[in-house]
């Protein structure tokens, strides 16, 4: 019963409030980098799908990009302009 009484005094309540605020701030500050990393991984996955479709559909047209992490990451970050950028870079390296 003593611990419950001590918990509900001013010092105990203020400690609980401060601890709650610290936990809330830590979760809020740490969730943004995790959200960014998750979004980057998700976009990279979409980049792999786009590269696979480009390999599958672009083979008849002579358009081909290698399926690797770097290409997927570029497409994941830049989206459709990333596909164009990689195709232009490939074209410039051939010439």
Foldseek 3Di string as FASTA:
>chain_A
DVVVVVCPDPVNVVVVVVVVVVVVVVCVVVVVVVVVVVLLVVLLVVLLVVQVVCVVPVVVVVDHDDRDSVLSSQCSVPPPVSSVVRSVVVVVVVD
